[in-house]
Amino acid sequence: QVQLVESGGGLVQAGGSLRLSCAASGRTFSNYAMGWFRQAPGKEREFVAAVSWSGASTNYADSVKGRFTIFRDNTENTVSLQMNSLKPEDTAVYYCAAARNPYWRLPVVPANAGSWGQGTQVTVSS
């Protein structure tokens, strides 16, 4: 029910940083929990980070904990992913997603998303 558009991907050296942004259209953005997922070539789409409707609660995959931060701005209908200390293993297409409810069921899995963005490529060189 939410239309999503990602931006901010690109090529970065290992140890560098990127910030991904996701802009939502519509007036009901704050009704939904949001998340970031990623998919590397030949791999299943996997959970990266999630945030509840208000931004008060966050959840991260173990592989990115301490390096990535998710946050949202409900006044501008955006959700962002700040990625620091990037590793070559972080290389993937990153997707913004909206849940069907104000909170995600745990564990957060791609099948529980209601809407997806088109994806943005992140490439980390060694």
Protein backbone atom coordinates (compact mmCIF):
# COMPACT_ATOMS: atom_id res chain seq x y z
CA GLN A 1 0.00 0.00 0.00
CA VAL A 2 3.12 2.18 0.20
CA GLN A 3 5.15 3.08 -2.89
CA LEU A 4 8.88 3.18 -2.15
CA VAL A 5 11.91 4.55 -4.00
CA GLU A 6 15.50 3.95 -2.81
CA SER A 7 18.54 6.11 -3.48
CA GLY A 8 22.13 6.47 -2.30
CA GLY A 9 23.76 3.27 -3.51
CA GLY A 10 27.13 3.22 -5.21
CA LEU A 11 30.72 2.02 -5.14
CA VAL A 12 32.76 2.44 -1.98
CA GLN A 13 36.05 1.08 -0.63
CA ALA A 14 36.11 -1.28 2.34
CA GLY A 15 35.95 0.68 5.57
CA GLY A 16 33.96 3.47 3.99
CA SER A 17 30.41 4.67 4.54
CA LEU A 18 27.20 5.13 2.60
CA ARG A 19 23.74 6.37 3.52
CA LEU A 20 20.76 4.86 1.75
CA SER A 21 17.45 6.67 1.68
CA CYS A 22 13.93 5.48 0.91
CA ALA A 23 11.15 7.90 0.04
CA ALA A 24 7.54 6.82 0.44
CA SER A 25 4.53 8.21 -1.35
CA GLY A 26 1.15 8.38 0.31
CA ARG A 27 -0.27 9.80 3.51
CA THR A 28 -0.22 6.65 5.68
CA PHE A 29 3.55 6.13 5.95
CA SER A 30 3.54 6.23 9.76
CA ASN A 31 1.08 3.30 9.89
CA TYR A 32 3.80 0.84 8.89
CA ALA A 33 6.98 -0.59 10.28
CA MET A 34 9.83 -0.29 7.76
CA GLY A 35 12.89 -2.31 6.95
CA TRP A 36 15.95 -2.80 4.79
CA PHE A 37 16.82 -6.10 3.11
CA ARG A 38 19.60 -7.09 0.75
CA GLN A 39 20.25 -9.71 -1.90
CA ALA A 40 23.64 -10.73 -3.25
CA PRO A 41 24.02 -12.63 -6.55
CA GLY A 42 22.99 -16.26 -6.14
CA LYS A 43 21.79 -15.67 -2.57
CA GLU A 44 18.41 -15.42 -0.89
CA ARG A 45 17.09 -12.03 0.09
CA GLU A 46 18.00 -11.42 3.73
CA PHE A 47 16.98 -9.10 6.53
CA VAL A 48 19.30 -6.20 7.41
CA ALA A 49 17.50 -3.73 9.69
CA ALA A 50 13.98 -2.78 10.78
CA VAL A 51 12.24 0.06 12.60
CA SER A 52 8.78 0.31 14.14
CA TRP A 53 6.14 2.81 13.07
CA SER A 54 7.31 5.53 15.47
CA GLY A 55 11.04 4.94 15.17
CA ALA A 56 11.26 3.99 18.85
CA SER A 57 12.19 0.34 18.27
CA THR A 58 14.90 -1.02 15.97
CA ASN A 59 16.20 -4.47 15.07
CA TYR A 60 19.37 -5.53 13.22
CA ALA A 61 20.86 -8.61 11.67
CA ASP A 62 23.86 -9.87 13.61
CA SER A 63 26.08 -9.31 10.58
CA VAL A 64 25.50 -5.54 10.60
CA LYS A 65 24.94 -4.82 14.29
CA GLY A 66 27.17 -1.98 15.47
CA ARG A 67 27.93 -0.86 11.91
CA PHE A 68 24.53 0.04 10.43
CA THR A 69 21.84 2.34 11.81
CA ILE A 70 18.23 2.57 10.62
CA PHE A 71 16.11 5.63 11.27
CA ARG A 72 12.94 7.21 9.94
CA ASP A 73 11.43 10.67 9.60
CA ASN A 74 7.65 10.46 9.55
CA THR A 75 7.33 14.17 8.80
CA GLU A 76 9.10 13.64 5.46
CA ASN A 77 8.02 10.03 4.78
CA THR A 78 11.56 8.70 4.64
CA VAL A 79 13.54 5.83 6.12
CA SER A 80 17.33 5.73 5.94
CA LEU A 81 20.15 3.26 6.49
CA GLN A 82 23.51 4.65 7.60
CA MET A 83 26.20 2.08 6.74
CA ASN A 84 29.65 2.46 8.30
CA SER A 85 32.75 0.27 8.26
CA LEU A 86 31.57 -1.39 5.08
CA LYS A 87 32.95 -4.79 4.11
CA PRO A 88 33.08 -6.56 0.73
CA GLU A 89 30.53 -9.01 2.16
CA ASP A 90 28.02 -6.14 2.30
CA THR A 91 27.93 -5.99 -1.51
CA ALA A 92 24.32 -6.53 -2.61
CA VAL A 93 21.22 -4.91 -3.96
CA TYR A 94 19.54 -3.19 -1.02
CA TYR A 95 15.75 -3.00 -0.85
CA CYS A 96 13.49 -0.82 1.24
CA ALA A 97 10.30 -2.52 2.43
CA ALA A 98 7.14 -1.69 4.34
CA ALA A 99 5.50 -4.16 6.70
CA ARG A 100 1.75 -4.71 6.75
CA ASN A 101 1.47 -3.51 10.35
CA PRO A 102 3.00 -0.95 12.73
CA TYR A 103 5.37 -3.64 14.06
CA TRP A 104 7.17 -6.54 12.42
CA ARG A 105 6.63 -10.06 13.64
CA LEU A 106 9.94 -11.53 14.82
CA PRO A 107 12.09 -12.74 13.23
CA VAL A 108 11.82 -10.22 10.40
CA VAL A 109 11.62 -12.09 7.09
CA PRO A 110 11.07 -10.88 3.51
CA ALA A 111 7.76 -12.76 3.21
CA ASN A 112 6.16 -10.44 5.76
CA ALA A 113 6.77 -7.28 3.73
CA GLY A 114 3.77 -5.68 2.06
CA SER A 115 5.57 -3.29 -0.31
CA TRP A 116 9.04 -3.16 -1.89
CA GLY A 117 11.21 -0.54 -3.50
CA GLN A 118 13.07 -1.18 -6.74
CA GLY A 119 16.44 -1.71 -5.06
CA THR A 120 19.76 0.13 -5.14
CA GLN A 121 23.17 -1.45 -5.77
CA VAL A 122 25.87 -1.23 -3.10
CA THR A 123 29.33 -2.44 -4.10
CA VAL A 124 32.19 -2.54 -1.59
CA SER A 125 35.67 -3.06 -3.00
CA SER A 126 38.56 -4.55 -1.04
